[in-house]
Amino acid sequence: MTSIEPSLYDMLSASRNTPWGIFTSIFVHSGVAHFGGNMVVLLAFLFLFVKLEETLPQEHQYKDSRFLGPSMFLCGIIANSLFLVVSIGSSAGASGVVYACEGVITGFAFLIALSGRLSFAHLKRRQLDTQERQTIRGIVVFIGLFGFFLLFRGAFLSSGQGVNTFVHLLGYILGFASVGVTELYHIFRRTQSSNTGK
């Protein structure tokens, strides 16, 4: 988009002079490679999300998929907003949304891993039921994504010149936290309704 109209790019990027950019910058990229890279990674995460959820009950899949889209956009917008609070620079691209998507998927994988019932006795018998396989899938996805974040932070955040690692990191953390906060809210609601029913 910059080669077509640089002033439009500047007008739609997120900066203190263009606060609407917290929304519009998600759809503005510095070039085809920037746009293509974001879309390939986003599609890879969406594929991972589908594989992670495929053995869950259909109503659970529906609930999680309805949560993913709004959550990743909201977390990306919040990350862009906080970037404007702490920086005088400008930012463009969908990376905050992509990293928020990754954070949400990491959060779902964590919940799936926690909710399962799995022991070494289950692993020894080598015949796992659907829920046990789902638990293993959650563990593998969580360890893969969160482990990459912990062990290779520079590569994970795509650190480099002109890369907004602040929005990347914040998008990921907010995405992960959004799943935790929502789950705690549901636990609180279930506890309240069970206490009211007594």
Protein backbone atom coordinates (compact mmCIF):
# COMPACT_ATOMS: atom_id res chain seq x y z
CA MET A 1 0.00 0.00 0.00
CA THR A 2 2.90 2.40 0.58
CA SER A 3 3.96 2.27 -3.06
CA ILE A 4 0.43 3.27 -4.13
CA GLU A 5 -0.22 6.14 -1.73
CA PRO A 6 2.28 6.85 1.08
CA SER A 7 0.13 9.62 2.60
CA LEU A 8 -2.80 7.20 2.91
CA TYR A 9 -0.50 4.71 4.63
CA ASP A 10 0.57 7.39 7.13
CA MET A 11 -3.02 8.48 7.66
CA LEU A 12 -4.21 4.92 8.45
CA SER A 13 -1.24 3.84 10.60
CA ALA A 14 -1.51 3.99 14.38
CA SER A 15 0.19 7.05 15.87
CA ARG A 16 -0.63 9.82 18.31
CA ASN A 17 -1.52 12.03 15.33
CA THR A 18 -3.86 9.34 13.92
CA PRO A 19 -5.57 7.72 16.93
CA TRP A 20 -8.13 6.02 14.65
CA GLY A 21 -5.14 3.99 13.54
CA ILE A 22 -5.66 1.64 16.49
CA PHE A 23 -8.41 0.16 14.25
CA THR A 24 -7.29 0.98 10.71
CA SER A 25 -3.61 0.01 11.12
CA ILE A 26 -4.67 -3.63 11.31
CA PHE A 27 -5.55 -3.44 7.61
CA VAL A 28 -2.49 -1.43 6.51
CA HIS A 29 0.85 -3.09 5.74
CA SER A 30 4.22 -1.80 4.60
CA GLY A 31 4.22 -4.06 1.56
CA VAL A 32 3.17 -7.35 0.03
CA ALA A 33 5.73 -9.33 2.06
CA HIS A 34 4.46 -7.81 5.32
CA PHE A 35 0.83 -8.55 4.42
CA GLY A 36 1.61 -12.02 3.08
CA GLY A 37 3.67 -12.97 6.12
CA ASN A 38 0.90 -11.93 8.50
CA MET A 39 -1.76 -13.80 6.52
CA VAL A 40 0.29 -17.02 6.24
CA VAL A 41 0.99 -17.05 9.98
CA LEU A 42 -2.64 -16.22 10.80
CA LEU A 43 -3.88 -19.06 8.58
CA ALA A 44 -1.39 -21.44 10.21
CA PHE A 45 -2.70 -20.51 13.66
CA LEU A 46 -6.30 -20.88 12.54
CA PHE A 47 -5.48 -24.35 11.17
CA LEU A 48 -3.84 -25.21 14.51
CA PHE A 49 -6.96 -23.98 16.30
CA VAL A 50 -9.18 -26.25 14.17
CA LYS A 51 -6.93 -29.26 14.83
CA LEU A 52 -6.81 -28.49 18.56
CA GLU A 53 -10.59 -28.31 18.80
CA GLU A 54 -11.61 -31.07 16.37
CA THR A 55 -12.37 -33.76 18.96
CA LEU A 56 -14.18 -31.46 21.39
CA PRO A 57 -17.99 -31.55 21.54
CA GLN A 58 -19.58 -29.45 18.81
CA GLU A 59 -21.11 -26.90 21.20
CA HIS A 60 -17.66 -26.38 22.76
CA GLN A 61 -16.11 -25.86 19.32
CA TYR A 62 -18.83 -23.36 18.45
CA LYS A 63 -18.34 -21.43 21.71
CA ASP A 64 -14.55 -21.29 21.29
CA SER A 65 -14.70 -20.26 17.63
CA ARG A 66 -17.18 -17.48 18.45
CA PHE A 67 -14.76 -16.28 21.14
CA LEU A 68 -11.60 -16.41 18.98
CA GLY A 69 -12.47 -13.78 16.35
CA PRO A 70 -13.71 -10.94 18.56
CA SER A 71 -11.08 -11.64 21.20
CA MET A 72 -8.12 -11.52 18.84
CA PHE A 73 -9.33 -8.27 17.24
CA LEU A 74 -10.09 -6.65 20.60
CA CYS A 75 -6.71 -7.70 22.04
CA GLY A 76 -4.93 -6.39 18.92
CA ILE A 77 -6.74 -3.06 19.23
CA ILE A 78 -5.91 -2.81 22.95
CA ALA A 79 -2.25 -3.61 22.17
CA ASN A 80 -2.23 -0.84 19.53
CA SER A 81 -3.83 1.58 22.01
CA LEU A 82 -1.26 0.86 24.70
CA PHE A 83 1.52 1.25 22.13
CA LEU A 84 0.30 4.80 21.51
CA VAL A 85 0.38 5.48 25.25
CA VAL A 86 4.04 4.46 25.62
CA SER A 87 5.48 5.44 22.22
CA ILE A 88 5.62 8.47 19.97
CA GLY A 89 6.20 6.24 16.92
CA SER A 90 3.76 4.81 14.44
CA SER A 91 2.70 1.25 13.73
CA ALA A 92 0.96 -0.64 10.95
CA GLY A 93 0.04 -4.24 10.30
CA ALA A 94 -2.07 -7.05 11.67
CA SER A 95 0.69 -8.52 13.85
CA GLY A 96 -1.04 -7.55 17.10
CA VAL A 97 -4.12 -9.47 15.97
CA VAL A 98 -2.00 -12.43 14.79
CA TYR A 99 -0.16 -12.61 18.11
CA ALA A 100 -3.44 -12.25 20.00
CA CYS A 101 -4.78 -15.19 17.99
CA GLU A 102 -1.72 -17.19 19.04
CA GLY A 103 -2.26 -16.17 22.66
CA VAL A 104 -5.92 -17.25 22.57
CA ILE A 105 -4.94 -20.62 21.07
CA THR A 106 -2.25 -21.05 23.74
CA GLY A 107 -4.90 -20.30 26.38
CA PHE A 108 -7.34 -22.83 24.92
CA ALA A 109 -4.57 -25.45 24.73
CA PHE A 110 -3.74 -24.79 28.39
CA LEU A 111 -7.40 -25.23 29.42
CA ILE A 112 -7.70 -28.43 27.39
CA ALA A 113 -4.52 -29.78 28.97
CA LEU A 114 -5.77 -28.90 32.47
CA SER A 115 -9.25 -30.31 32.00
CA GLY A 116 -8.12 -33.75 30.89
CA ARG A 117 -7.62 -36.84 32.92
CA LEU A 118 -4.35 -38.46 32.00
CA SER A 119 -1.84 -40.53 33.93
CA PHE A 120 1.15 -42.71 33.16
CA ALA A 121 -1.14 -45.74 33.48
CA HIS A 122 -3.20 -44.36 30.58
CA LEU A 123 -0.06 -43.86 28.52
CA LYS A 124 1.25 -47.36 29.28
CA ARG A 125 -1.82 -49.13 27.97
CA ARG A 126 -1.36 -47.33 24.60
CA GLN A 127 -5.06 -47.24 23.86
CA LEU A 128 -6.26 -43.77 24.59
CA ASP A 129 -9.84 -42.63 24.38
CA THR A 130 -10.88 -39.40 22.65
CA GLN A 131 -10.61 -37.25 25.78
CA GLU A 132 -7.14 -38.57 26.61
CA ARG A 133 -5.93 -37.88 23.06
CA GLN A 134 -7.45 -34.40 23.30
CA THR A 135 -5.56 -33.81 26.56
CA ILE A 136 -2.28 -34.87 24.93
CA ARG A 137 -3.01 -32.59 21.97
CA GLY A 138 -3.61 -29.68 24.38
CA ILE A 139 -0.37 -30.42 26.24
CA VAL A 140 1.67 -30.61 23.02
CA VAL A 141 0.22 -27.38 21.58
CA PHE A 142 0.62 -25.51 24.87
CA ILE A 143 4.21 -26.66 25.40
CA GLY A 144 5.06 -25.91 21.76
CA LEU A 145 3.66 -22.37 21.70
CA PHE A 146 4.44 -21.30 25.25
CA GLY A 147 7.83 -23.05 25.20
CA PHE A 148 8.78 -21.19 22.02
CA PHE A 149 7.74 -17.94 23.73
CA LEU A 150 9.85 -18.68 26.82
CA LEU A 151 12.94 -20.15 25.17
CA PHE A 152 13.26 -18.15 21.96
CA ARG A 153 11.72 -14.80 22.78
CA GLY A 154 13.55 -12.85 20.07
CA ALA A 155 12.51 -15.25 17.31
CA PHE A 156 9.03 -15.60 18.81
CA LEU A 157 8.46 -11.84 18.73
CA SER A 158 10.06 -11.52 15.25
CA SER A 159 12.51 -8.99 16.69
CA GLY A 160 14.18 -6.79 14.13
CA GLN A 161 14.49 -3.25 12.84
CA GLY A 162 11.10 -1.63 12.33
CA VAL A 163 9.24 -4.49 14.05
CA ASN A 164 6.81 -3.51 16.79
CA THR A 165 7.70 -6.19 19.34
CA PHE A 166 5.74 -4.31 22.01
CA VAL A 167 2.46 -4.91 20.15
CA HIS A 168 3.49 -8.50 19.38
CA LEU A 169 4.18 -9.29 23.03
CA LEU A 170 1.16 -7.42 24.34
CA GLY A 171 -1.15 -9.02 21.76
CA TYR A 172 0.04 -12.48 22.81
CA ILE A 173 -0.28 -11.80 26.54
CA LEU A 174 -3.70 -10.18 26.17
CA GLY A 175 -4.95 -13.05 24.00
CA PHE A 176 -3.77 -15.63 26.53
CA ALA A 177 -5.18 -13.62 29.45
CA SER A 178 -8.55 -13.16 27.72
CA VAL A 179 -9.08 -16.93 27.78
CA GLY A 180 -8.12 -17.12 31.47
CA VAL A 181 -10.33 -14.20 32.49
CA THR A 182 -13.28 -15.61 30.54
CA GLU A 183 -12.81 -19.06 32.09
CA LEU A 184 -12.63 -17.56 35.60
CA TYR A 185 -15.82 -15.64 34.87
CA HIS A 186 -17.59 -18.85 33.81
CA ILE A 187 -16.34 -20.67 36.92
CA PHE A 188 -17.60 -17.80 39.09
CA ARG A 189 -21.01 -17.88 37.36
CA ARG A 190 -21.30 -21.66 37.81
CA THR A 191 -20.34 -21.34 41.48
CA GLN A 192 -22.87 -18.54 42.00
CA SER A 193 -25.68 -20.46 40.32
CA SER A 194 -24.91 -23.65 42.26
CA ASN A 195 -24.85 -21.68 45.54
CA THR A 196 -28.13 -19.97 44.67
CA GLY A 197 -29.75 -23.31 43.92
CA LYS A 198 -29.03 -24.66 47.41
